[in-house]
Amino acid sequence: MTGIVTWTTLNRGVDFDGATVTPRSQVTGTLSADMPIVAAAAWARRTQAQDQKNISELNLSDVKRQVALATADAYLAIITQRRVVEGNTRSLATAKAHYDLANELEQKGLGSRLNALRAQQQSVSR
């Protein structure tokens, strides 16, 4: 809103045919009020900012989901590797026990040499 007031004072007023044509003191005022009826640019900026906020919120939830999935994947990979190591350890122990039994049976004459050699080969290859 803008307002202008002008006060003009002359040395004397001007008369013509008994009527005052220009008074000695004169006040002029102007008042201007501007208000946009349609603020399309402001609306567009506000809408764009809201869209950016929504996208950021969606990205945040997506990143949280990705972190959770990566954590779960790493956890399961570790558990799987531990199970593989446990299985290999048991397999080695079983192969060694089989060799010991086959060797003992061969020495007592109850088993064959071929069986003892196969058991030895299994325990060595593990």
Protein backbone atom coordinates (compact mmCIF):
# COMPACT_ATOMS: atom_id res chain seq x y z
CA MET A 1 0.00 0.00 0.00
CA THR A 2 1.37 3.40 -0.96
CA GLY A 3 0.16 6.85 0.10
CA ILE A 4 1.28 10.31 -1.07
CA VAL A 5 0.18 13.61 0.46
CA THR A 6 1.18 16.93 -1.12
CA TRP A 7 0.62 20.25 0.62
CA THR A 8 1.11 23.30 -1.54
CA THR A 9 1.17 26.83 -0.11
CA LEU A 10 1.40 29.87 -2.35
CA ASN A 11 2.27 33.43 -1.33
CA ARG A 12 -1.29 34.41 -2.17
CA GLY A 13 -4.37 32.94 -3.77
CA VAL A 14 -5.40 33.80 -7.34
CA ASP A 15 -8.83 35.38 -7.90
CA PHE A 16 -10.61 35.84 -11.19
CA ASP A 17 -13.94 37.65 -11.49
CA GLY A 18 -14.49 37.50 -7.77
CA ALA A 19 -13.95 33.74 -7.60
CA THR A 20 -10.86 32.03 -6.20
CA VAL A 21 -9.26 30.10 -9.00
CA THR A 22 -6.13 28.93 -7.16
CA PRO A 23 -6.33 28.87 -3.38
CA ARG A 24 -3.43 29.92 -1.24
CA SER A 25 -3.18 26.45 0.43
CA GLN A 26 -3.96 23.23 -1.34
CA VAL A 27 -3.76 19.58 -0.16
CA THR A 28 -3.66 16.69 -2.59
CA GLY A 29 -3.66 13.05 -1.49
CA THR A 30 -3.18 9.82 -3.39
CA LEU A 31 -3.67 6.36 -1.97
CA SER A 32 -2.75 3.22 -3.91
CA ALA A 33 -3.40 -0.34 -2.75
CA ASP A 34 -1.96 -3.26 -4.71
CA MET A 35 -2.88 -6.85 -4.07
CA PRO A 36 -2.40 -9.66 -6.54
CA ILE A 37 -5.59 -11.44 -7.41
CA VAL A 38 -3.78 -14.41 -8.90
CA ALA A 39 -0.30 -15.19 -7.53
CA ALA A 40 0.46 -18.09 -9.88
CA ALA A 41 4.22 -18.00 -9.38
CA ALA A 42 3.88 -18.14 -5.59
CA TRP A 43 1.38 -20.99 -5.87
CA ALA A 44 3.71 -22.89 -8.18
CA ARG A 45 6.67 -22.41 -5.82
CA ARG A 46 4.62 -23.57 -2.84
CA THR A 47 3.36 -26.63 -4.73
CA GLN A 48 6.86 -27.45 -5.93
CA ALA A 49 8.21 -27.16 -2.38
CA GLN A 50 5.47 -29.49 -1.12
CA ASP A 51 6.33 -31.98 -3.87
CA GLN A 52 10.00 -31.84 -2.92
CA LYS A 53 9.09 -32.47 0.71
CA ASN A 54 6.97 -35.48 -0.25
CA ILE A 55 9.76 -36.89 -2.43
CA SER A 56 12.27 -36.45 0.40
CA GLU A 57 9.97 -38.29 2.80
CA LEU A 58 9.55 -41.14 0.31
CA ASN A 59 13.33 -41.29 -0.22
CA LEU A 60 13.87 -41.43 3.53
CA SER A 61 11.55 -44.41 3.94
CA ASP A 62 13.14 -46.11 0.93
CA VAL A 63 16.64 -45.61 2.37
CA LYS A 64 15.52 -46.99 5.73
CA ARG A 65 14.08 -50.04 3.96
CA GLN A 66 17.29 -50.55 1.97
CA VAL A 67 19.43 -50.32 5.11
CA ALA A 68 17.20 -52.85 6.88
CA LEU A 69 17.39 -55.25 3.93
CA ALA A 70 21.17 -54.90 3.64
CA THR A 71 21.55 -55.52 7.39
CA ALA A 72 19.34 -58.62 7.24
CA ASP A 73 21.21 -59.89 4.17
CA ALA A 74 24.58 -59.49 5.90
CA TYR A 75 23.28 -61.19 9.06
CA LEU A 76 21.93 -64.15 7.08
CA ALA A 77 25.19 -64.43 5.11
CA ILE A 78 27.17 -64.64 8.35
CA ILE A 79 24.84 -67.28 9.80
CA THR A 80 25.04 -69.27 6.55
CA GLN A 81 28.84 -69.20 6.58
CA ARG A 82 28.89 -70.34 10.21
CA ARG A 83 26.59 -73.24 9.32
CA VAL A 84 28.87 -74.18 6.40
CA VAL A 85 31.89 -74.20 8.72
CA GLU A 86 29.97 -76.31 11.27
CA GLY A 87 28.93 -78.75 8.52
CA ASN A 88 32.48 -79.03 7.22
CA THR A 89 33.81 -79.62 10.73
CA ARG A 90 31.25 -82.37 11.35
CA SER A 91 31.96 -83.89 7.95
CA LEU A 92 35.70 -83.99 8.70
CA ALA A 93 35.08 -85.53 12.12
CA THR A 94 32.75 -88.14 10.60
CA ALA A 95 35.26 -88.98 7.84
CA LYS A 96 38.05 -89.37 10.41
CA ALA A 97 35.84 -91.59 12.60
CA HIS A 98 34.98 -93.70 9.52
CA TYR A 99 38.67 -94.08 8.69
CA ASP A 100 39.53 -95.02 12.28
CA LEU A 101 36.76 -97.65 12.29
CA ALA A 102 37.70 -99.03 8.85
CA ASN A 103 41.39 -99.18 9.85
CA GLU A 104 40.55 -100.90 13.14
CA LEU A 105 38.31 -103.44 11.38
CA GLU A 106 41.05 -104.15 8.82
CA GLN A 107 43.63 -104.73 11.54
CA LYS A 108 41.28 -107.19 13.28
CA GLY A 109 40.65 -108.93 9.99
CA LEU A 110 36.98 -107.97 9.89
CA GLY A 111 37.24 -105.31 7.17
CA SER A 112 38.83 -104.97 3.77
CA ARG A 113 41.84 -102.96 2.78
CA LEU A 114 39.79 -101.28 0.02
CA ASN A 115 37.27 -100.00 2.57
CA ALA A 116 40.09 -98.59 4.74
CA LEU A 117 41.70 -96.87 1.74
CA ARG A 118 38.38 -95.30 0.67
CA ALA A 119 37.80 -94.01 4.20
CA GLN A 120 41.35 -92.63 4.29
CA GLN A 121 40.83 -90.90 0.94
CA GLN A 122 37.58 -89.28 2.16
CA SER A 123 39.17 -87.99 5.36
CA VAL A 124 42.16 -86.53 3.50
CA SER A 125 40.09 -84.82 0.79
CA ARG A 126 37.95 -83.00 3.33
